[in-house]
Amino acid sequence: MAITKEIVEDKIEIVGDYKVIQIREAVVIKEDGNEISRSFNRKTLHCIQSSYDGSKWTHTDPDISGESTEVQGIANAVWTTEVKNATKAANEKTQIS
C-alpha cells in the first residue's frame, strides 16, 4: 500500500486593478494511485509591498523566486511599471494622517 501526497496549483487568478494574483493549491492524497483526500490552500501575491514609518513610504517588490515558473511568468507579465505605480499611489492614499 503506497500513500502519496501531491500539491498542485489548480487555480491561478488575476484580480482587480492592481493585478493581485490569487493561487489555489490542491493537496491530493492518494493510496495506490487512487485519490482518497483533497484539500485546498489559498494565497495572494501583491505587486508591491508598502510600509510607512510615520515620515516616509518604502515600497519593495515581492520575492517571487519561490513561486512556480508559471506564477512567475504571470507576475512578470501583469505587474507592469504602470500597475506598480498605481498600487504605490493607492497604498499611500490610504494612509491616515
PDB file of N, CA and C in Angstrom:
ATOM      1  N   MET A   1       0.851  -1.171   0.000  1.00  0.00           N
ATOM      2  CA  MET A   1       0.000   0.000   0.000  1.00  0.00           C
ATOM      3  C   MET A   1       0.901   1.240   0.000  1.00  0.00           C
ATOM      4  N   ALA A   2       0.837   2.006  -1.076  1.00  0.00           N
ATOM      5  CA  ALA A   2       1.633   3.223  -1.212  1.00  0.00           C
ATOM      6  C   ALA A   2       0.745   4.450  -1.076  1.00  0.00           C
ATOM      7  N   ILE A   3       1.101   5.308  -0.129  1.00  0.00           N
ATOM      8  CA  ILE A   3       0.361   6.566   0.056  1.00  0.00           C
ATOM      9  C   ILE A   3       1.258   7.701  -0.413  1.00  0.00           C
ATOM     10  N   THR A   4       0.693   8.567  -1.255  1.00  0.00           N
ATOM     11  CA  THR A   4       1.444   9.699  -1.790  1.00  0.00           C
ATOM     12  C   THR A   4       0.692  10.993  -1.529  1.00  0.00           C
ATOM     13  N   LYS A   5       1.443  12.076  -1.499  1.00  0.00           N
ATOM     14  CA  LYS A   5       0.878  13.422  -1.321  1.00  0.00           C
ATOM     15  C   LYS A   5       1.390  14.275  -2.471  1.00  0.00           C
ATOM     16  N   GLU A   6       0.472  14.960  -3.120  1.00  0.00           N
ATOM     17  CA  GLU A   6       0.819  15.822  -4.250  1.00  0.00           C
ATOM     18  C   GLU A   6       0.200  17.194  -4.027  1.00  0.00           C
ATOM     19  N   ILE A   7       0.973  18.232  -4.291  1.00  0.00           N
ATOM     20  CA  ILE A   7       0.450  19.601  -4.203  1.00  0.00           C
ATOM     21  C   ILE A   7       0.451  20.189  -5.602  1.00  0.00           C
ATOM     22  N   VAL A   8      -0.728  20.637  -6.043  1.00  0.00           N
ATOM     23  CA  VAL A   8      -0.914  21.121  -7.405  1.00  0.00           C
ATOM     24  C   VAL A   8      -1.551  22.500  -7.372  1.00  0.00           C
ATOM     25  N   GLU A   9      -0.990  23.452  -8.118  1.00  0.00           N
ATOM     26  CA  GLU A   9      -1.656  24.751  -8.283  1.00  0.00           C
ATOM     27  C   GLU A   9      -2.783  24.518  -9.282  1.00  0.00           C
ATOM     28  N   ASP A  10      -3.991  24.449  -8.774  1.00  0.00           N
ATOM     29  CA  ASP A  10      -5.098  24.112  -9.673  1.00  0.00           C
ATOM     30  C   ASP A  10      -5.922  25.317 -10.108  1.00  0.00           C
ATOM     31  N   LYS A  11      -5.630  26.487  -9.525  1.00  0.00           N
ATOM     32  CA  LYS A  11      -6.344  27.695  -9.966  1.00  0.00           C
ATOM     33  C   LYS A  11      -5.447  28.901  -9.728  1.00  0.00           C
ATOM     34  N   ILE A  12      -5.251  29.702 -10.765  1.00  0.00           N
ATOM     35  CA  ILE A  12      -4.491  30.945 -10.660  1.00  0.00           C
ATOM     36  C   ILE A  12      -5.354  32.034 -11.277  1.00  0.00           C
ATOM     37  N   GLU A  13      -5.636  33.079 -10.501  1.00  0.00           N
ATOM     38  CA  GLU A  13      -6.489  34.165 -10.970  1.00  0.00           C
ATOM     39  C   GLU A  13      -5.784  35.501 -10.795  1.00  0.00           C
ATOM     40  N   ILE A  14      -6.087  36.425 -11.689  1.00  0.00           N
ATOM     41  CA  ILE A  14      -5.596  37.800 -11.596  1.00  0.00           C
ATOM     42  C   ILE A  14      -6.809  38.665 -11.288  1.00  0.00           C
ATOM     43  N   VAL A  15      -6.727  39.413 -10.178  1.00  0.00           N
ATOM     44  CA  VAL A  15      -7.905  40.111  -9.692  1.00  0.00           C
ATOM     45  C   VAL A  15      -7.636  41.601  -9.528  1.00  0.00           C
ATOM     46  N   GLY A  16      -8.546  42.424 -10.013  1.00  0.00           N
ATOM     47  CA  GLY A  16      -8.559  43.849  -9.731  1.00  0.00           C
ATOM     48  C   GLY A  16      -7.583  44.694 -10.531  1.00  0.00           C
ATOM     49  N   ASP A  17      -7.691  46.000 -10.285  1.00  0.00           N
ATOM     50  CA  ASP A  17      -6.873  46.982 -10.989  1.00  0.00           C
ATOM     51  C   ASP A  17      -5.385  46.812 -10.709  1.00  0.00           C
ATOM     52  N   TYR A  18      -5.052  46.289  -9.516  1.00  0.00           N
ATOM     53  CA  TYR A  18      -3.649  46.195  -9.116  1.00  0.00           C
ATOM     54  C   TYR A  18      -3.085  44.796  -9.351  1.00  0.00           C
ATOM     55  N   LYS A  19      -3.806  43.994 -10.103  1.00  0.00           N
ATOM     56  CA  LYS A  19      -3.358  42.680 -10.586  1.00  0.00           C
ATOM     57  C   LYS A  19      -2.862  41.774  -9.458  1.00  0.00           C
ATOM     58  N   VAL A  20      -3.695  41.636  -8.426  1.00  0.00           N
ATOM     59  CA  VAL A  20      -3.387  40.700  -7.347  1.00  0.00           C
ATOM     60  C   VAL A  20      -3.503  39.292  -7.918  1.00  0.00           C
ATOM     61  N   ILE A  21      -2.522  38.460  -7.627  1.00  0.00           N
ATOM     62  CA  ILE A  21      -2.545  37.086  -8.113  1.00  0.00           C
ATOM     63  C   ILE A  21      -3.017  36.193  -6.970  1.00  0.00           C
ATOM     64  N   GLN A  22      -4.111  35.486  -7.212  1.00  0.00           N
ATOM     65  CA  GLN A  22      -4.652  34.542  -6.237  1.00  0.00           C
ATOM     66  C   GLN A  22      -4.303  33.136  -6.715  1.00  0.00           C
ATOM     67  N   ILE A  23      -3.794  32.332  -5.802  1.00  0.00           N
ATOM     68  CA  ILE A  23      -3.383  30.978  -6.140  1.00  0.00           C
ATOM     69  C   ILE A  23      -4.088  30.008  -5.206  1.00  0.00           C
ATOM     70  N   ARG A  24      -4.709  28.996  -5.803  1.00  0.00           N
ATOM     71  CA  ARG A  24      -5.288  27.914  -5.007  1.00  0.00           C
ATOM     72  C   ARG A  24      -4.453  26.666  -5.246  1.00  0.00           C
ATOM     73  N   GLU A  25      -3.992  26.059  -4.160  1.00  0.00           N
ATOM     74  CA  GLU A  25      -3.235  24.822  -4.243  1.00  0.00           C
ATOM     75  C   GLU A  25      -4.110  23.680  -3.725  1.00  0.00           C
ATOM     76  N   ALA A  26      -4.158  22.610  -4.492  1.00  0.00           N
ATOM     77  CA  ALA A  26      -4.861  21.409  -4.061  1.00  0.00           C
ATOM     78  C   ALA A  26      -3.834  20.448  -3.470  1.00  0.00           C
ATOM     79  N   VAL A  27      -4.127  19.949  -2.285  1.00  0.00           N
ATOM     80  CA  VAL A  27      -3.295  18.930  -1.649  1.00  0.00           C
ATOM     81  C   VAL A  27      -4.042  17.603  -1.841  1.00  0.00           C
ATOM     82  N   VAL A  28      -3.457  16.728  -2.656  1.00  0.00           N
ATOM     83  CA  VAL A  28      -4.120  15.480  -3.033  1.00  0.00           C
ATOM     84  C   VAL A  28      -3.376  14.308  -2.386  1.00  0.00           C
ATOM     85  N   ILE A  29      -4.119  13.520  -1.633  1.00  0.00           N
ATOM     86  CA  ILE A  29      -3.577  12.310  -1.009  1.00  0.00           C
ATOM     87  C   ILE A  29      -4.111  11.118  -1.794  1.00  0.00           C
ATOM     88  N   LYS A  30      -3.186  10.230  -2.189  1.00  0.00           N
ATOM     89  CA  LYS A  30      -3.567   9.041  -2.963  1.00  0.00           C
ATOM     90  C   LYS A  30      -3.059   7.780  -2.271  1.00  0.00           C
ATOM     91  N   GLU A  31      -3.844   6.752  -2.397  1.00  0.00           N
ATOM     92  CA  GLU A  31      -3.441   5.432  -1.925  1.00  0.00           C
ATOM     93  C   GLU A  31      -3.473   4.491  -3.114  1.00  0.00           C
ATOM     94  N   ASP A  32      -2.330   3.940  -3.444  1.00  0.00           N
ATOM     95  CA  ASP A  32      -2.192   3.057  -4.616  1.00  0.00           C
ATOM     96  C   ASP A  32      -2.734   3.711  -5.876  1.00  0.00           C
ATOM     97  N   GLY A  33      -2.483   5.017  -6.016  1.00  0.00           N
ATOM     98  CA  GLY A  33      -2.891   5.746  -7.212  1.00  0.00           C
ATOM     99  C   GLY A  33      -4.318   6.259  -7.198  1.00  0.00           C
ATOM    100  N   ASN A  34      -5.097   5.898  -6.188  1.00  0.00           N
ATOM    101  CA  ASN A  34      -6.489   6.337  -6.095  1.00  0.00           C
ATOM    102  C   ASN A  34      -6.609   7.478  -5.086  1.00  0.00           C
ATOM    103  N   GLU A  35      -7.239   8.555  -5.504  1.00  0.00           N
ATOM    104  CA  GLU A  35      -7.391   9.714  -4.625  1.00  0.00           C
ATOM    105  C   GLU A  35      -8.283   9.366  -3.451  1.00  0.00           C
ATOM    106  N   ILE A  36      -7.779   9.665  -2.236  1.00  0.00           N
ATOM    107  CA  ILE A  36      -8.583   9.415  -1.035  1.00  0.00           C
ATOM    108  C   ILE A  36      -8.897  10.699  -0.273  1.00  0.00           C
ATOM    109  N   SER A  37      -8.189  11.777  -0.611  1.00  0.00           N
ATOM    110  CA  SER A  37      -8.433  13.044   0.079  1.00  0.00           C
ATOM    111  C   SER A  37      -7.955  14.198  -0.790  1.00  0.00           C
ATOM    112  N   ARG A  38      -8.670  15.313  -0.690  1.00  0.00           N
ATOM    113  CA  ARG A  38      -8.272  16.538  -1.388  1.00  0.00           C
ATOM    114  C   ARG A  38      -8.660  17.719  -0.500  1.00  0.00           C
ATOM    115  N   SER A  39      -7.694  18.610  -0.257  1.00  0.00           N
ATOM    116  CA  SER A  39      -7.962  19.834   0.491  1.00  0.00           C
ATOM    117  C   SER A  39      -7.290  20.982  -0.241  1.00  0.00           C
ATOM    118  N   PHE A  40      -7.594  22.205   0.197  1.00  0.00           N
ATOM    119  CA  PHE A  40      -7.118  23.368  -0.539  1.00  0.00           C
ATOM    120  C   PHE A  40      -6.469  24.388   0.384  1.00  0.00           C
ATOM    121  N   ASN A  41      -5.465  25.070  -0.139  1.00  0.00           N
ATOM    122  CA  ASN A  41      -4.836  26.221   0.496  1.00  0.00           C
ATOM    123  C   ASN A  41      -4.875  27.366  -0.508  1.00  0.00           C
ATOM    124  N   ARG A  42      -5.004  28.570  -0.009  1.00  0.00           N
ATOM    125  CA  ARG A  42      -5.016  29.743  -0.889  1.00  0.00           C
ATOM    126  C   ARG A  42      -3.998  30.762  -0.413  1.00  0.00           C
ATOM    127  N   LYS A  43      -3.474  31.508  -1.377  1.00  0.00           N
ATOM    128  CA  LYS A  43      -2.588  32.618  -1.041  1.00  0.00           C
ATOM    129  C   LYS A  43      -2.732  33.687  -2.103  1.00  0.00           C
ATOM    130  N   THR A  44      -2.331  34.907  -1.735  1.00  0.00           N
ATOM    131  CA  THR A  44      -2.364  36.020  -2.677  1.00  0.00           C
ATOM    132  C   THR A  44      -0.979  36.633  -2.771  1.00  0.00           C
ATOM    133  N   LEU A  45      -0.673  37.153  -3.942  1.00  0.00           N
ATOM    134  CA  LEU A  45       0.584  37.849  -4.179  1.00  0.00           C
ATOM    135  C   LEU A  45       0.268  39.246  -4.690  1.00  0.00           C
ATOM    136  N   HIS A  46       0.917  40.247  -4.106  1.00  0.00           N
ATOM    137  CA  HIS A  46       0.727  41.641  -4.494  1.00  0.00           C
ATOM    138  C   HIS A  46       1.992  42.149  -5.171  1.00  0.00           C
ATOM    139  N   CYS A  47       1.829  43.058  -6.116  1.00  0.00           N
ATOM    140  CA  CYS A  47       2.960  43.525  -6.917  1.00  0.00           C
ATOM    141  C   CYS A  47       3.918  44.424  -6.154  1.00  0.00           C
ATOM    142  N   ILE A  48       3.460  44.995  -5.066  1.00  0.00           N
ATOM    143  CA  ILE A  48       4.280  45.910  -4.260  1.00  0.00           C
ATOM    144  C   ILE A  48       3.978  45.650  -2.789  1.00  0.00           C
ATOM    145  N   GLN A  49       5.025  45.703  -1.976  1.00  0.00           N
ATOM    146  CA  GLN A  49       4.856  45.668  -0.530  1.00  0.00           C
ATOM    147  C   GLN A  49       5.200  47.057  -0.016  1.00  0.00           C
ATOM    148  N   SER A  50       4.231  47.695   0.627  1.00  0.00           N
ATOM    149  CA  SER A  50       4.405  49.079   1.082  1.00  0.00           C
ATOM    150  C   SER A  50       4.409  49.142   2.600  1.00  0.00           C
ATOM    151  N   SER A  51       5.240  50.040   3.122  1.00  0.00           N
ATOM    152  CA  SER A  51       5.215  50.297   4.561  1.00  0.00           C
ATOM    153  C   SER A  51       5.458  51.785   4.782  1.00  0.00           C
ATOM    154  N   TYR A  52       4.916  52.275   5.875  1.00  0.00           N
ATOM    155  CA  TYR A  52       5.024  53.688   6.221  1.00  0.00           C
ATOM    156  C   TYR A  52       5.529  53.778   7.652  1.00  0.00           C
ATOM    157  N   ASP A  53       6.618  54.485   7.880  1.00  0.00           N
ATOM    158  CA  ASP A  53       7.221  54.561   9.214  1.00  0.00           C
ATOM    159  C   ASP A  53       6.831  55.822   9.978  1.00  0.00           C
ATOM    160  N   GLY A  54       5.836  56.535   9.486  1.00  0.00           N
ATOM    161  CA  GLY A  54       5.415  57.774  10.134  1.00  0.00           C
ATOM    162  C   GLY A  54       5.940  59.019   9.452  1.00  0.00           C
ATOM    163  N   SER A  55       7.003  58.858   8.655  1.00  0.00           N
ATOM    164  CA  SER A  55       7.533  60.021   7.949  1.00  0.00           C
ATOM    165  C   SER A  55       7.782  59.753   6.461  1.00  0.00           C
ATOM    166  N   LYS A  56       7.969  58.495   6.091  1.00  0.00           N
ATOM    167  CA  LYS A  56       8.199  58.209   4.672  1.00  0.00           C
ATOM    168  C   LYS A  56       7.708  56.809   4.324  1.00  0.00           C
ATOM    169  N   TRP A  57       7.424  56.663   3.043  1.00  0.00           N
ATOM    170  CA  TRP A  57       6.980  55.377   2.497  1.00  0.00           C
ATOM    171  C   TRP A  57       8.167  54.593   1.955  1.00  0.00           C
ATOM    172  N   THR A  58       8.079  53.277   2.102  1.00  0.00           N
ATOM    173  CA  THR A  58       9.024  52.370   1.475  1.00  0.00           C
ATOM    174  C   THR A  58       8.214  51.362   0.660  1.00  0.00           C
ATOM    175  N   HIS A  59       8.587  51.200  -0.600  1.00  0.00           N
ATOM    176  CA  HIS A  59       7.910  50.250  -1.483  1.00  0.00           C
ATOM    177  C   HIS A  59       8.949  49.267  -2.005  1.00  0.00           C
ATOM    178  N   THR A  60       8.652  47.991  -1.885  1.00  0.00           N
ATOM    179  CA  THR A  60       9.576  46.972  -2.383  1.00  0.00           C
ATOM    180  C   THR A  60       8.824  45.957  -3.228  1.00  0.00           C
ATOM    181  N   ASP A  61       9.538  45.406  -4.190  1.00  0.00           N
ATOM    182  CA  ASP A  61       8.974  44.325  -4.991  1.00  0.00           C
ATOM    183  C   ASP A  61       8.982  43.051  -4.155  1.00  0.00           C
ATOM    184  N   PRO A  62       7.943  42.226  -4.277  1.00  0.00           N
ATOM    185  CA  PRO A  62       7.926  40.973  -3.523  1.00  0.00           C
ATOM    186  C   PRO A  62       8.930  39.975  -4.105  1.00  0.00           C
ATOM    187  N   ASP A  63       9.394  39.068  -3.279  1.00  0.00           N
ATOM    188  CA  ASP A  63      10.278  37.994  -3.733  1.00  0.00           C
ATOM    189  C   ASP A  63       9.396  36.847  -4.226  1.00  0.00           C
ATOM    190  N   ILE A  64       9.366  36.646  -5.531  1.00  0.00           N
ATOM    191  CA  ILE A  64       8.550  35.568  -6.100  1.00  0.00           C
ATOM    192  C   ILE A  64       9.415  34.402  -6.577  1.00  0.00           C
ATOM    193  N   SER A  65      10.681  34.388  -6.175  1.00  0.00           N
ATOM    194  CA  SER A  65      11.587  33.343  -6.642  1.00  0.00           C
ATOM    195  C   SER A  65      11.169  31.947  -6.190  1.00  0.00           C
ATOM    196  N   GLY A  66      10.411  31.856  -5.120  1.00  0.00           N
ATOM    197  CA  GLY A  66       9.943  30.558  -4.641  1.00  0.00           C
ATOM    198  C   GLY A  66       8.656  30.083  -5.274  1.00  0.00           C
ATOM    199  N   GLU A  67       8.082  30.908  -6.132  1.00  0.00           N
ATOM    200  CA  GLU A  67       6.835  30.535  -6.804  1.00  0.00           C
ATOM    201  C   GLU A  67       7.138  29.695  -8.047  1.00  0.00           C
ATOM    202  N   SER A  68       6.113  29.034  -8.541  1.00  0.00           N
ATOM    203  CA  SER A  68       6.280  28.208  -9.742  1.00  0.00           C
ATOM    204  C   SER A  68       6.656  29.097 -10.931  1.00  0.00           C
ATOM    205  N   THR A  69       7.244  28.503 -11.942  1.00  0.00           N
ATOM    206  CA  THR A  69       7.610  29.273 -13.135  1.00  0.00           C
ATOM    207  C   THR A  69       6.364  29.853 -13.796  1.00  0.00           C
ATOM    208  N   GLU A  70       5.244  29.166 -13.696  1.00  0.00           N
ATOM    209  CA  GLU A  70       4.003  29.693 -14.272  1.00  0.00           C
ATOM    210  C   GLU A  70       3.565  30.970 -13.556  1.00  0.00           C
ATOM    211  N   VAL A  71       3.583  30.952 -12.233  1.00  0.00           N
ATOM    212  CA  VAL A  71       3.195  32.139 -11.454  1.00  0.00           C
ATOM    213  C   VAL A  71       4.191  33.267 -11.694  1.00  0.00           C
ATOM    214  N   GLN A  72       5.472  32.960 -11.738  1.00  0.00           N
ATOM    215  CA  GLN A  72       6.477  33.985 -12.013  1.00  0.00           C
ATOM    216  C   GLN A  72       6.235  34.624 -13.378  1.00  0.00           C
ATOM    217  N   GLY A  73       5.915  33.821 -14.372  1.00  0.00           N
ATOM    218  CA  GLY A  73       5.640  34.346 -15.708  1.00  0.00           C
ATOM    219  C   GLY A  73       4.425  35.258 -15.728  1.00  0.00           C
ATOM    220  N   ILE A  74       3.383  34.859 -15.017  1.00  0.00           N
ATOM    221  CA  ILE A  74       2.175  35.687 -14.934  1.00  0.00           C
ATOM    222  C   ILE A  74       2.503  37.013 -14.246  1.00  0.00           C
ATOM    223  N   ALA A  75       3.219  36.938 -13.120  1.00  0.00           N
ATOM    224  CA  ALA A  75       3.578  38.160 -12.380  1.00  0.00           C
ATOM    225  C   ALA A  75       4.398  39.096 -13.250  1.00  0.00           C
ATOM    226  N   ASN A  76       5.373  38.556 -13.941  1.00  0.00           N
ATOM    227  CA  ASN A  76       6.216  39.394 -14.793  1.00  0.00           C
ATOM    228  C   ASN A  76       5.435  40.014 -15.953  1.00  0.00           C
ATOM    229  N   ALA A  77       4.390  39.337 -16.388  1.00  0.00           N
ATOM    230  CA  ALA A  77       3.583  39.861 -17.491  1.00  0.00           C
ATOM    231  C   ALA A  77       2.596  40.941 -17.047  1.00  0.00           C
ATOM    232  N   VAL A  78       1.977  40.763 -15.890  1.00  0.00           N
ATOM    233  CA  VAL A  78       0.896  41.679 -15.495  1.00  0.00           C
ATOM    234  C   VAL A  78       1.342  42.786 -14.544  1.00  0.00           C
ATOM    235  N   TRP A  79       2.445  42.598 -13.833  1.00  0.00           N
ATOM    236  CA  TRP A  79       2.918  43.618 -12.903  1.00  0.00           C
ATOM    237  C   TRP A  79       3.809  44.603 -13.628  1.00  0.00           C
ATOM    238  N   THR A  80       3.207  45.390 -14.474  1.00  0.00           N
ATOM    239  CA  THR A  80       3.924  46.397 -15.246  1.00  0.00           C
ATOM    240  C   THR A  80       4.302  47.573 -14.354  1.00  0.00           C
ATOM    241  N   THR A  81       5.153  48.438 -14.865  1.00  0.00           N
ATOM    242  CA  THR A  81       5.526  49.655 -14.130  1.00  0.00           C
ATOM    243  C   THR A  81       4.291  50.483 -13.823  1.00  0.00           C
ATOM    244  N   GLU A  82       3.366  50.555 -14.765  1.00  0.00           N
ATOM    245  CA  GLU A  82       2.139  51.331 -14.561  1.00  0.00           C
ATOM    246  C   GLU A  82       1.310  50.763 -13.413  1.00  0.00           C
ATOM    247  N   VAL A  83       1.192  49.436 -13.355  1.00  0.00           N
ATOM    248  CA  VAL A  83       0.426  48.788 -12.284  1.00  0.00           C
ATOM    249  C   VAL A  83       1.119  49.017 -10.936  1.00  0.00           C
ATOM    250  N   LYS A  84       2.434  48.880 -10.907  1.00  0.00           N
ATOM    251  CA  LYS A  84       3.172  49.105  -9.663  1.00  0.00           C
ATOM    252  C   LYS A  84       3.031  50.543  -9.183  1.00  0.00           C
ATOM    253  N   ASN A  85       3.135  51.501 -10.090  1.00  0.00           N
ATOM    254  CA  ASN A  85       2.994  52.914  -9.709  1.00  0.00           C
ATOM    255  C   ASN A  85       1.590  53.211  -9.200  1.00  0.00           C
ATOM    256  N   ALA A  86       0.580  52.633  -9.831  1.00  0.00           N
ATOM    257  CA  ALA A  86      -0.805  52.829  -9.388  1.00  0.00           C
ATOM    258  C   ALA A  86      -1.014  52.210  -8.006  1.00  0.00           C
ATOM    259  N   THR A  87      -0.407  51.061  -7.763  1.00  0.00           N
ATOM    260  CA  THR A  87      -0.514  50.408  -6.458  1.00  0.00           C
ATOM    261  C   THR A  87       0.163  51.249  -5.380  1.00  0.00           C
ATOM    262  N   LYS A  88       1.350  51.762  -5.681  1.00  0.00           N
ATOM    263  CA  LYS A  88       2.053  52.631  -4.724  1.00  0.00           C
ATOM    264  C   LYS A  88       1.181  53.835  -4.374  1.00  0.00           C
ATOM    265  N   ALA A  89       0.619  54.483  -5.397  1.00  0.00           N
ATOM    266  CA  ALA A  89      -0.216  55.673  -5.168  1.00  0.00           C
ATOM    267  C   ALA A  89      -1.438  55.329  -4.327  1.00  0.00           C
ATOM    268  N   ALA A  90      -2.058  54.202  -4.618  1.00  0.00           N
ATOM    269  CA  ALA A  90      -3.247  53.791  -3.862  1.00  0.00           C
ATOM    270  C   ALA A  90      -2.885  53.472  -2.418  1.00  0.00           C
ATOM    271  N   ASN A  91      -1.761  52.789  -2.208  1.00  0.00           N
ATOM    272  CA  ASN A  91      -1.339  52.478  -0.841  1.00  0.00           C
ATOM    273  C   ASN A  91      -1.049  53.747  -0.048  1.00  0.00           C
ATOM    274  N   GLU A  92      -0.392  54.708  -0.666  1.00  0.00           N
ATOM    275  CA  GLU A  92      -0.076  55.961   0.017  1.00  0.00           C
ATOM    276  C   GLU A  92      -1.345  56.763   0.305  1.00  0.00           C
ATOM    277  N   LYS A  93      -2.295  56.679  -0.584  1.00  0.00           N
ATOM    278  CA  LYS A  93      -3.554  57.426  -0.416  1.00  0.00           C
ATOM    279  C   LYS A  93      -4.347  56.917   0.799  1.00  0.00           C
ATOM    280  N   THR A  94      -4.185  55.658   1.135  1.00  0.00           N
ATOM    281  CA  THR A  94      -4.947  55.096   2.257  1.00  0.00           C
ATOM    282  C   THR A  94      -4.366  55.465   3.607  1.00  0.00           C
ATOM    283  N   GLN A  95      -3.161  56.063   3.619  1.00  0.00           N
ATOM    284  CA  GLN A  95      -2.542  56.448   4.891  1.00  0.00           C
ATOM    285  C   GLN A  95      -3.367  57.516   5.587  1.00  0.00           C
ATOM    286  N   ILE A  96      -3.712  57.250   6.826  1.00  0.00           N
ATOM    287  CA  ILE A  96      -4.477  58.210   7.617  1.00  0.00           C
ATOM    288  C   ILE A  96      -3.506  59.073   8.404  1.00  0.00           C
ATOM    289  N   SER A  97      -3.648  60.368   8.291  1.00  0.00           N
ATOM    290  CA  SER A  97      -2.741  61.303   8.983  1.00  0.00           C
ATOM    291  C   SER A  97      -3.079  61.398  10.443  1.00  0.00           C
TER     292      SER A  97
END
